Amino acid sequence: MGLMSECLLPNSNPNPLAIENLYIELATLLEMPLIKLGYLLIRTVAKPVANVLKKQTKNHPLFRSVCVRLAQTYHRSEIKMSRRLGGASKAVTEAAVRPLDEQKAIEVGANFLGETLVFIVAGTVLILDQTVSAQKEQARRQVIEEKFNQIFKEIDEIKSEITQLKENKPVTTKKS
């Protein structure tokens, strides 16, 4: 039987644990699309922001110089890495790399900054999502542990009552 049928059987007392499990299951099902929608919204907003950053970078002198330095460093690293992976000798690998022209460097640097922004936003959202999920899981485990402790306490009380009954002693029950 499913959780829904356990909770809603006609002419029966609903199982409180089944009701709680149903609530948790429904909350989880509703929560997942909202988290994914929020993630998609943030990524969607981050891309136009990255595009604006790219445009501003091309026009602002400080950002232009940062983009040129970043692009030249990226270009040198990429060429050297491809040379190493291509099996070139050390002399060829360490040989000077012809720099990019300024317009190409600005474009590469602006694209790199834009993609870095999108990557950082996406990574941050994933980390936050993972943190929230871990906290919820910890809270769920704590609730389950408390329920088990309560059950074990009740079992101990029942054992004590059984022992007292076996010894023909009057039963004293503790109300918690």
Protein backbone atom coordinates (compact mmCIF):
# COMPACT_ATOMS: atom_id res chain seq x y z
CA MET A 1 0.00 0.00 0.00
CA GLY A 2 1.19 3.51 -0.72
CA LEU A 3 1.52 6.29 1.80
CA MET A 4 -1.61 8.00 0.56
CA SER A 5 -3.76 4.90 1.02
CA GLU A 6 -2.28 4.28 4.49
CA CYS A 7 -3.28 7.78 5.58
CA LEU A 8 -6.72 7.91 3.98
CA LEU A 9 -8.24 4.47 4.47
CA PRO A 10 -11.97 4.80 5.23
CA ASN A 11 -13.10 3.81 8.73
CA SER A 12 -9.56 3.64 10.10
CA ASN A 13 -7.44 5.77 12.30
CA PRO A 14 -4.74 7.42 10.23
CA ASN A 15 -1.23 6.35 11.08
CA PRO A 16 0.58 9.47 12.37
CA LEU A 17 3.93 8.21 11.08
CA ALA A 18 2.44 7.56 7.64
CA ILE A 19 0.93 11.06 7.60
CA GLU A 20 4.28 12.58 8.51
CA ASN A 21 6.08 10.51 5.85
CA LEU A 22 3.50 11.64 3.29
CA TYR A 23 4.06 15.27 4.29
CA ILE A 24 7.85 14.90 3.96
CA GLU A 25 7.49 13.17 0.59
CA LEU A 26 5.14 15.86 -0.77
CA ALA A 27 7.36 18.67 0.53
CA THR A 28 10.38 17.09 -1.15
CA LEU A 29 8.54 16.65 -4.43
CA LEU A 30 7.40 20.27 -4.42
CA GLU A 31 10.77 21.59 -3.31
CA MET A 32 12.88 20.01 -6.07
CA PRO A 33 11.24 21.84 -9.02
CA LEU A 34 11.46 25.14 -7.12
CA ILE A 35 15.17 24.66 -6.49
CA LYS A 36 15.78 23.77 -10.13
CA LEU A 37 13.69 26.74 -11.27
CA GLY A 38 15.67 29.07 -9.00
CA TYR A 39 18.94 27.64 -10.32
CA LEU A 40 17.78 28.15 -13.90
CA LEU A 41 16.65 31.71 -13.12
CA ILE A 42 20.02 32.63 -11.62
CA ARG A 43 21.89 31.16 -14.58
CA THR A 44 19.58 32.95 -16.99
CA VAL A 45 20.19 36.27 -15.24
CA ALA A 46 23.95 35.66 -15.03
CA LYS A 47 24.35 35.31 -18.80
CA PRO A 48 23.03 38.78 -19.71
CA VAL A 49 25.09 40.25 -16.87
CA ALA A 50 28.13 38.52 -18.34
CA ASN A 51 27.28 39.93 -21.78
CA VAL A 52 27.00 43.45 -20.35
CA LEU A 53 30.34 42.92 -18.63
CA LYS A 54 31.84 41.88 -21.98
CA LYS A 55 30.54 45.05 -23.67
CA GLN A 56 31.69 47.31 -20.85
CA THR A 57 35.09 45.66 -20.85
CA LYS A 58 35.64 46.59 -24.46
CA ASN A 59 34.93 50.27 -23.74
CA HIS A 60 36.47 50.87 -20.30
CA PRO A 61 40.27 51.48 -20.30
CA LEU A 62 40.97 49.73 -16.98
CA PHE A 63 38.96 46.64 -17.96
CA ARG A 64 40.56 46.69 -21.39
CA SER A 65 44.04 46.48 -19.89
CA VAL A 66 42.95 43.72 -17.48
CA CYS A 67 41.36 41.79 -20.36
CA VAL A 68 44.45 42.17 -22.54
CA ARG A 69 46.76 40.90 -19.77
CA LEU A 70 44.37 38.08 -18.91
CA ALA A 71 43.95 37.06 -22.56
CA GLN A 72 47.69 37.17 -23.27
CA THR A 73 48.39 35.00 -20.20
CA TYR A 74 45.63 32.61 -21.21
CA HIS A 75 46.92 32.50 -24.80
CA ARG A 76 50.53 31.80 -23.73
CA SER A 77 49.39 29.06 -21.34
CA GLU A 78 47.17 27.48 -23.97
CA ILE A 79 49.93 27.46 -26.63
CA LYS A 80 52.53 26.06 -24.23
CA MET A 81 50.12 23.39 -23.00
CA SER A 82 49.25 22.33 -26.54
CA ARG A 83 52.95 22.17 -27.40
CA ARG A 84 53.67 19.98 -24.35
CA LEU A 85 50.74 17.72 -25.08
CA GLY A 86 51.78 17.54 -28.71
CA GLY A 87 55.13 16.07 -27.65
CA ALA A 88 57.27 19.06 -28.63
CA SER A 89 60.77 19.33 -27.25
CA LYS A 90 61.48 21.54 -24.25
CA ALA A 91 63.15 24.15 -26.45
CA VAL A 92 60.06 24.40 -28.65
CA THR A 93 57.75 24.42 -25.63
CA GLU A 94 59.67 27.28 -23.99
CA ALA A 95 60.00 29.26 -27.21
CA ALA A 96 58.35 32.68 -27.29
CA VAL A 97 54.66 32.76 -28.09
CA ARG A 98 53.50 35.44 -30.49
CA PRO A 99 51.00 37.65 -28.58
CA LEU A 100 47.43 38.20 -29.70
CA ASP A 101 46.59 41.50 -31.35
CA GLU A 102 44.80 43.94 -29.01
CA GLN A 103 41.27 43.52 -30.42
CA LYS A 104 41.49 39.72 -30.29
CA ALA A 105 42.98 39.91 -26.78
CA ILE A 106 40.14 42.18 -25.60
CA GLU A 107 37.57 39.81 -27.07
CA VAL A 108 39.19 36.70 -25.55
CA GLY A 109 39.63 38.40 -22.17
CA ALA A 110 36.05 39.68 -22.10
CA ASN A 111 34.72 36.22 -23.02
CA PHE A 112 36.90 34.66 -20.33
CA LEU A 113 35.62 37.11 -17.69
CA GLY A 114 32.00 36.56 -18.77
CA GLU A 115 32.29 32.79 -18.70
CA THR A 116 34.09 32.96 -15.35
CA LEU A 117 31.22 35.00 -13.93
CA VAL A 118 28.64 32.46 -15.14
CA PHE A 119 30.77 29.59 -13.78
CA ILE A 120 31.15 31.25 -10.37
CA VAL A 121 27.42 31.95 -10.13
CA ALA A 122 26.53 28.39 -11.14
CA GLY A 123 29.10 26.93 -8.73
CA THR A 124 27.85 29.10 -5.89
CA VAL A 125 24.25 28.03 -6.51
CA LEU A 126 25.29 24.36 -6.53
CA ILE A 127 27.26 24.73 -3.30
CA LEU A 128 24.37 26.53 -1.60
CA ASP A 129 21.93 23.87 -2.82
CA GLN A 130 24.17 21.12 -1.47
CA THR A 131 24.53 22.91 1.87
CA VAL A 132 20.76 23.35 2.24
CA SER A 133 20.18 19.70 1.30
CA ALA A 134 22.76 18.54 3.86
CA GLN A 135 21.16 20.67 6.58
CA LYS A 136 17.71 19.29 5.78
CA GLU A 137 19.03 15.75 5.81
CA GLN A 138 20.69 16.36 9.18
CA ALA A 139 17.42 17.75 10.59
CA ARG A 140 15.50 14.77 9.21
CA ARG A 141 17.98 12.36 10.80
CA GLN A 142 17.72 14.15 14.12
CA VAL A 143 13.91 13.85 14.06
CA ILE A 144 14.20 10.14 13.31
CA GLU A 145 16.77 9.70 16.10
CA GLU A 146 14.45 11.44 18.57
CA LYS A 147 11.59 9.17 17.53
CA PHE A 148 13.77 6.09 17.99
CA ASN A 149 14.87 7.31 21.41
CA GLN A 150 11.22 7.81 22.38
CA ILE A 151 10.36 4.32 21.14
CA PHE A 152 13.28 2.79 23.05
CA LYS A 153 12.21 4.64 26.18
CA GLU A 154 8.68 3.26 25.81
CA ILE A 155 10.09 -0.24 25.25
CA ASP A 156 12.14 0.07 28.45
CA GLU A 157 9.02 1.19 30.36
CA ILE A 158 7.07 -1.77 28.97
CA LYS A 159 9.89 -4.16 29.95
CA SER A 160 9.86 -2.70 33.43
CA GLU A 161 6.09 -3.17 33.67
CA ILE A 162 6.41 -6.78 32.47
CA THR A 163 9.12 -7.45 35.04
CA GLN A 164 6.95 -5.97 37.79
CA LEU A 165 3.97 -8.05 36.66
CA LYS A 166 6.07 -11.21 36.67
CA GLU A 167 7.14 -10.46 40.24
CA ASN A 168 3.50 -9.71 41.20
CA LYS A 169 4.35 -6.19 42.20
CA PRO A 170 1.93 -3.36 41.62
CA VAL A 171 2.62 -1.54 38.37
CA THR A 172 3.63 2.10 38.56
CA THR A 173 3.51 3.83 35.22
CA LYS A 174 5.36 6.97 34.37
CA LYS A 175 3.59 9.48 32.21
CA SER A 176 5.95 11.45 29.98
